[in-house]
Amino acid sequence: MDKKIEQGVKNIINSFGTIVRTHGGDITISKIEGRKITLSISGACANCHLFDLSYNKVLKSYMKEKFPSVELLFTKKSKRILKTSKYAQNRIPKKQTGL
């Protein structure tokens, strides 16, 4: 892969990753083979019901627009970790959580 294209793809992934991390997920480039780039999706994003929209519709479409010759593949690293904010923890009655 051309170094200019590779750097452009990395920049887009890093920008997209910034948004993803605010939602408790992460996205990293796990492998580059020719024109195929495999992205590793982890955290909350791996189990999110909006995965298809976020990654297949938004990210893939944007990447195709900028770099038509690049093919994105996704792998999910799934861990069912539920994080709640301090606000949410204080709002849930102790009886319901078993805490």
Protein backbone atom coordinates (compact mmCIF):
# COMPACT_ATOMS: atom_id res chain seq x y z
CA MET A 1 0.00 0.00 0.00
CA ASP A 2 1.19 3.49 -0.82
CA LYS A 3 2.56 5.23 2.31
CA LYS A 4 0.45 8.34 1.60
CA ILE A 5 -2.76 6.28 1.48
CA GLU A 6 -1.73 4.33 4.58
CA GLN A 7 -1.12 7.54 6.53
CA GLY A 8 -4.43 8.99 5.34
CA VAL A 9 -6.27 5.86 6.47
CA LYS A 10 -4.51 5.98 9.87
CA ASN A 11 -5.52 9.63 10.29
CA ILE A 12 -9.18 8.82 9.58
CA ILE A 13 -9.13 5.83 11.95
CA ASN A 14 -7.53 7.95 14.69
CA SER A 15 -10.16 10.69 14.24
CA PHE A 16 -12.99 8.16 14.24
CA GLY A 17 -11.38 6.44 17.25
CA THR A 18 -11.54 9.65 19.26
CA ILE A 19 -15.32 9.65 18.90
CA VAL A 20 -15.58 5.90 19.52
CA ARG A 21 -13.61 6.18 22.79
CA THR A 22 -16.12 8.69 24.16
CA HIS A 23 -18.70 5.89 23.90
CA GLY A 24 -16.56 3.32 25.73
CA GLY A 25 -15.20 1.58 22.66
CA ASP A 26 -11.96 1.50 20.73
CA ILE A 27 -10.83 0.97 17.15
CA THR A 28 -7.31 0.07 16.06
CA ILE A 29 -5.65 -1.12 12.89
CA SER A 30 -4.71 -4.74 13.51
CA LYS A 31 -3.42 -5.74 10.07
CA ILE A 32 -2.59 -4.24 6.69
CA GLU A 33 -2.25 -6.64 3.76
CA GLY A 34 -2.03 -5.00 0.38
CA ARG A 35 -5.20 -2.95 0.01
CA LYS A 36 -7.04 -4.76 2.83
CA ILE A 37 -7.04 -3.15 6.26
CA THR A 38 -8.37 -5.09 9.21
CA LEU A 39 -9.68 -3.00 12.08
CA SER A 40 -10.08 -4.35 15.58
CA ILE A 41 -13.23 -3.14 17.32
CA SER A 42 -13.34 -3.49 21.09
CA GLY A 43 -15.07 -2.27 24.22
CA ALA A 44 -18.67 -1.13 24.08
CA CYS A 45 -18.63 -0.93 20.28
CA ALA A 46 -18.13 -4.68 19.86
CA ASN A 47 -21.60 -5.36 21.26
CA CYS A 48 -23.37 -2.15 20.24
CA HIS A 49 -26.62 -2.40 18.29
CA LEU A 50 -25.45 0.57 16.18
CA PHE A 51 -22.28 -1.20 15.00
CA ASP A 52 -23.60 -1.75 11.49
CA LEU A 53 -24.58 1.90 11.11
CA SER A 54 -21.43 3.35 12.65
CA TYR A 55 -18.86 1.16 10.97
CA ASN A 56 -20.40 -0.25 7.81
CA LYS A 57 -22.41 2.76 6.75
CA VAL A 58 -20.47 5.73 8.12
CA LEU A 59 -16.81 4.68 8.33
CA LYS A 60 -16.73 2.35 5.32
CA SER A 61 -18.60 4.86 3.15
CA TYR A 62 -16.31 7.71 4.17
CA MET A 63 -13.22 5.58 3.60
CA LYS A 64 -14.45 4.49 0.14
CA GLU A 65 -15.03 8.13 -0.74
CA LYS A 66 -11.49 9.13 0.27
CA PHE A 67 -9.61 5.94 -0.70
CA PRO A 68 -11.68 3.87 -3.18
CA SER A 69 -9.02 1.16 -3.54
CA VAL A 70 -8.93 0.36 0.20
CA GLU A 71 -11.06 -2.46 1.61
CA LEU A 72 -11.97 -2.36 5.31
CA LEU A 73 -12.53 -5.53 7.32
CA PHE A 74 -13.62 -5.67 10.94
CA THR A 75 -12.90 -8.00 13.82
CA LYS A 76 -14.63 -7.65 17.16
CA LYS A 77 -12.98 -8.19 20.52
CA SER A 78 -15.98 -8.71 22.71
CA LYS A 79 -15.94 -8.28 26.46
CA ARG A 80 -19.22 -7.76 28.21
CA ILE A 81 -18.16 -5.04 30.59
CA LEU A 82 -20.88 -2.70 31.73
CA LYS A 83 -19.64 0.62 32.97
CA THR A 84 -22.01 3.08 34.54
CA SER A 85 -21.33 6.65 35.46
CA LYS A 86 -21.21 7.81 39.09
CA TYR A 87 -24.53 9.57 38.43
CA ALA A 88 -26.19 6.37 37.20
CA GLN A 89 -24.74 4.33 40.07
CA ASN A 90 -26.28 6.73 42.57
CA ARG A 91 -29.67 6.72 40.82
CA ILE A 92 -30.18 2.93 40.81
CA PRO A 93 -31.73 1.62 44.02
CA LYS A 94 -29.39 -0.77 45.86
CA LYS A 95 -32.13 -3.46 45.95
CA GLN A 96 -32.15 -3.68 42.15
CA THR A 97 -28.39 -3.98 41.74
CA GLY A 98 -27.75 -6.37 44.59
CA LEU A 99 -24.90 -4.13 45.77
